[in-house]
C-alpha atoms as a PDB file:
ATOM      1  CA  UNK A   1       0.000   0.000   0.000  1.00  0.00           C
ATOM      2  CA  UNK A   2       2.777   2.455   0.902  1.00  0.00           C
ATOM      3  CA  UNK A   3       4.574   1.882  -2.395  1.00  0.00           C
ATOM      4  CA  UNK A   4       1.360   2.718  -4.271  1.00  0.00           C
ATOM      5  CA  UNK A   5       0.982   5.959  -2.324  1.00  0.00           C
ATOM      6  CA  UNK A   6       4.635   6.813  -2.969  1.00  0.00           C
ATOM      7  CA  UNK A   7       4.219   6.110  -6.688  1.00  0.00           C
ATOM      8  CA  UNK A   8       1.002   8.129  -6.924  1.00  0.00           C
ATOM      9  CA  UNK A   9       2.511  11.140  -5.126  1.00  0.00           C
ATOM     10  CA  UNK A  10       5.642  11.001  -7.252  1.00  0.00           C
ATOM     11  CA  UNK A  11       3.725  10.741 -10.531  1.00  0.00           C
ATOM     12  CA  UNK A  12       1.152  13.438  -9.746  1.00  0.00           C
ATOM     13  CA  UNK A  13       3.711  15.893  -8.352  1.00  0.00           C
ATOM     14  CA  UNK A  14       6.082  15.246 -11.261  1.00  0.00           C
ATOM     15  CA  UNK A  15       3.373  16.007 -13.813  1.00  0.00           C
ATOM     16  CA  UNK A  16       2.505  19.199 -11.930  1.00  0.00           C
ATOM     17  CA  UNK A  17       6.166  20.225 -11.619  1.00  0.00           C
ATOM     18  CA  UNK A  18       6.805  19.595 -15.321  1.00  0.00           C
ATOM     19  CA  UNK A  19       3.812  21.751 -16.251  1.00  0.00           C
ATOM     20  CA  UNK A  20       4.767  24.549 -13.854  1.00  0.00           C
ATOM     21  CA  UNK A  21       8.331  24.663 -15.198  1.00  0.00           C
ATOM     22  CA  UNK A  22       6.881  24.970 -18.695  1.00  0.00           C
ATOM     23  CA  UNK A  23       4.500  27.724 -17.616  1.00  0.00           C
ATOM     24  CA  UNK A  24       7.310  29.640 -15.923  1.00  0.00           C
ATOM     25  CA  UNK A  25       9.521  29.345 -19.009  1.00  0.00           C
ATOM     26  CA  UNK A  26       6.718  30.674 -21.192  1.00  0.00           C
ATOM     27  CA  UNK A  27       6.145  33.584 -18.817  1.00  0.00           C
ATOM     28  CA  UNK A  28       9.880  34.322 -18.823  1.00  0.00           C
ATOM     29  CA  UNK A  29       9.905  34.536 -22.607  1.00  0.00           C
ATOM     30  CA  UNK A  30       7.052  37.036 -22.671  1.00  0.00           C
ATOM     31  CA  UNK A  31       8.242  39.137 -19.728  1.00  0.00           C
ATOM     32  CA  UNK A  32       5.223  38.318 -17.567  1.00  0.00           C
ATOM     33  CA  UNK A  33       4.866  37.658 -13.846  1.00  0.00           C
ATOM     34  CA  UNK A  34       7.059  34.698 -12.866  1.00  0.00           C
ATOM     35  CA  UNK A  35       6.540  31.777 -10.548  1.00  0.00           C
ATOM     36  CA  UNK A  36       8.813  32.200  -7.497  1.00  0.00           C
ATOM     37  CA  UNK A  37      11.899  30.003  -7.410  1.00  0.00           C
ATOM     38  CA  UNK A  38      10.877  28.842  -3.943  1.00  0.00           C
ATOM     39  CA  UNK A  39       7.703  27.381  -5.470  1.00  0.00           C
ATOM     40  CA  UNK A  40       9.703  25.563  -8.127  1.00  0.00           C
ATOM     41  CA  UNK A  41      11.954  24.090  -5.436  1.00  0.00           C
ATOM     42  CA  UNK A  42       8.986  23.202  -3.252  1.00  0.00           C
ATOM     43  CA  UNK A  43       7.448  21.199  -6.095  1.00  0.00           C
ATOM     44  CA  UNK A  44      10.699  19.282  -6.517  1.00  0.00           C
ATOM     45  CA  UNK A  45      11.100  18.527  -2.816  1.00  0.00           C
ATOM     46  CA  UNK A  46       7.435  17.542  -2.382  1.00  0.00           C
ATOM     47  CA  UNK A  47       7.696  14.673  -4.836  1.00  0.00           C
ATOM     48  CA  UNK A  48       7.988  16.348  -8.206  1.00  0.00           C
ATOM     49  CA  UNK A  49      11.752  16.111  -8.602  1.00  0.00           C
ATOM     50  CA  UNK A  50      11.532  13.805 -11.611  1.00  0.00           C
ATOM     51  CA  UNK A  51       9.146  16.169 -13.404  1.00  0.00           C
ATOM     52  CA  UNK A  52      11.160  19.212 -12.338  1.00  0.00           C
ATOM     53  CA  UNK A  53      14.351  17.765 -13.805  1.00  0.00           C
ATOM     54  CA  UNK A  54      12.509  16.731 -16.968  1.00  0.00           C
ATOM     55  CA  UNK A  55      11.038  20.239 -17.208  1.00  0.00           C
ATOM     56  CA  UNK A  56      14.460  21.799 -16.760  1.00  0.00           C
ATOM     57  CA  UNK A  57      15.871  19.710 -19.601  1.00  0.00           C
ATOM     58  CA  UNK A  58      12.852  19.818 -21.930  1.00  0.00           C
ATOM     59  CA  UNK A  59      12.156  23.551 -21.618  1.00  0.00           C
ATOM     60  CA  UNK A  60      15.822  24.494 -21.055  1.00  0.00           C
ATOM     61  CA  UNK A  61      14.715  26.358 -17.976  1.00  0.00           C
ATOM     62  CA  UNK A  62      16.868  27.152 -14.920  1.00  0.00           C
ATOM     63  CA  UNK A  63      19.702  25.050 -16.361  1.00  0.00           C
ATOM     64  CA  UNK A  64      22.347  27.707 -15.691  1.00  0.00           C
ATOM     65  CA  UNK A  65      21.408  28.423 -12.094  1.00  0.00           C
ATOM     66  CA  UNK A  66      23.663  26.407  -9.780  1.00  0.00           C
ATOM     67  CA  UNK A  67      20.975  26.212  -7.116  1.00  0.00           C
ATOM     68  CA  UNK A  68      18.731  24.365  -9.566  1.00  0.00           C
ATOM     69  CA  UNK A  69      21.493  22.368 -11.269  1.00  0.00           C
ATOM     70  CA  UNK A  70      22.429  20.852  -7.903  1.00  0.00           C
ATOM     71  CA  UNK A  71      19.206  21.285  -5.898  1.00  0.00           C
ATOM     72  CA  UNK A  72      16.777  19.445  -8.171  1.00  0.00           C
ATOM     73  CA  UNK A  73      19.005  16.347  -8.583  1.00  0.00           C
ATOM     74  CA  UNK A  74      19.498  16.420  -4.805  1.00  0.00           C
ATOM     75  CA  UNK A  75      15.716  16.386  -4.342  1.00  0.00           C
ATOM     76  CA  UNK A  76      15.490  13.506  -6.793  1.00  0.00           C
ATOM     77  CA  UNK A  77      18.147  11.581  -4.885  1.00  0.00           C
ATOM     78  CA  UNK A  78      16.172  12.054  -1.672  1.00  0.00           C
ATOM     79  CA  UNK A  79      13.011  10.719  -3.341  1.00  0.00           C
ATOM     80  CA  UNK A  80      14.890   7.728  -4.761  1.00  0.00           C
ATOM     81  CA  UNK A  81      16.267   6.941  -1.303  1.00  0.00           C
ATOM     82  CA  UNK A  82      12.780   7.296   0.168  1.00  0.00           C
ATOM     83  CA  UNK A  83      11.406   4.988  -2.520  1.00  0.00           C
ATOM     84  CA  UNK A  84      14.057   2.364  -1.796  1.00  0.00           C
ATOM     85  CA  UNK A  85      13.347   2.626   1.916  1.00  0.00           C
ATOM     86  CA  UNK A  86       9.594   2.222   1.399  1.00  0.00           C
ATOM     87  CA  UNK A  87      10.101  -0.647  -1.023  1.00  0.00           C
ATOM     88  CA  UNK A  88      12.453  -2.576   1.257  1.00  0.00           C
ATOM     89  CA  UNK A  89      10.478  -1.823   4.418  1.00  0.00           C
ATOM     90  CA  UNK A  90       6.945  -2.525   3.228  1.00  0.00           C
ATOM     91  CA  UNK A  91       7.375  -5.256   0.615  1.00  0.00           C
END
């Protein structure tokens, strides 16, 4: 049961993070109001790290900011470790 919850949270948050990174990139291009960087990080650390990294690569967004280049993969590593822990503990 826990692995299903983990998978659902990771998938849903990743889809949301991917979309938000795309929206922010579009807003950046047109000089409109931007999504705060803290929100982008929050999405990554709340389960959307896979989508955030995919959004960074796909949209070429935040790829030159060291805080994102290192922070988002760090968030992904934490979620992978959590997934391994849940998998080994509850299966």
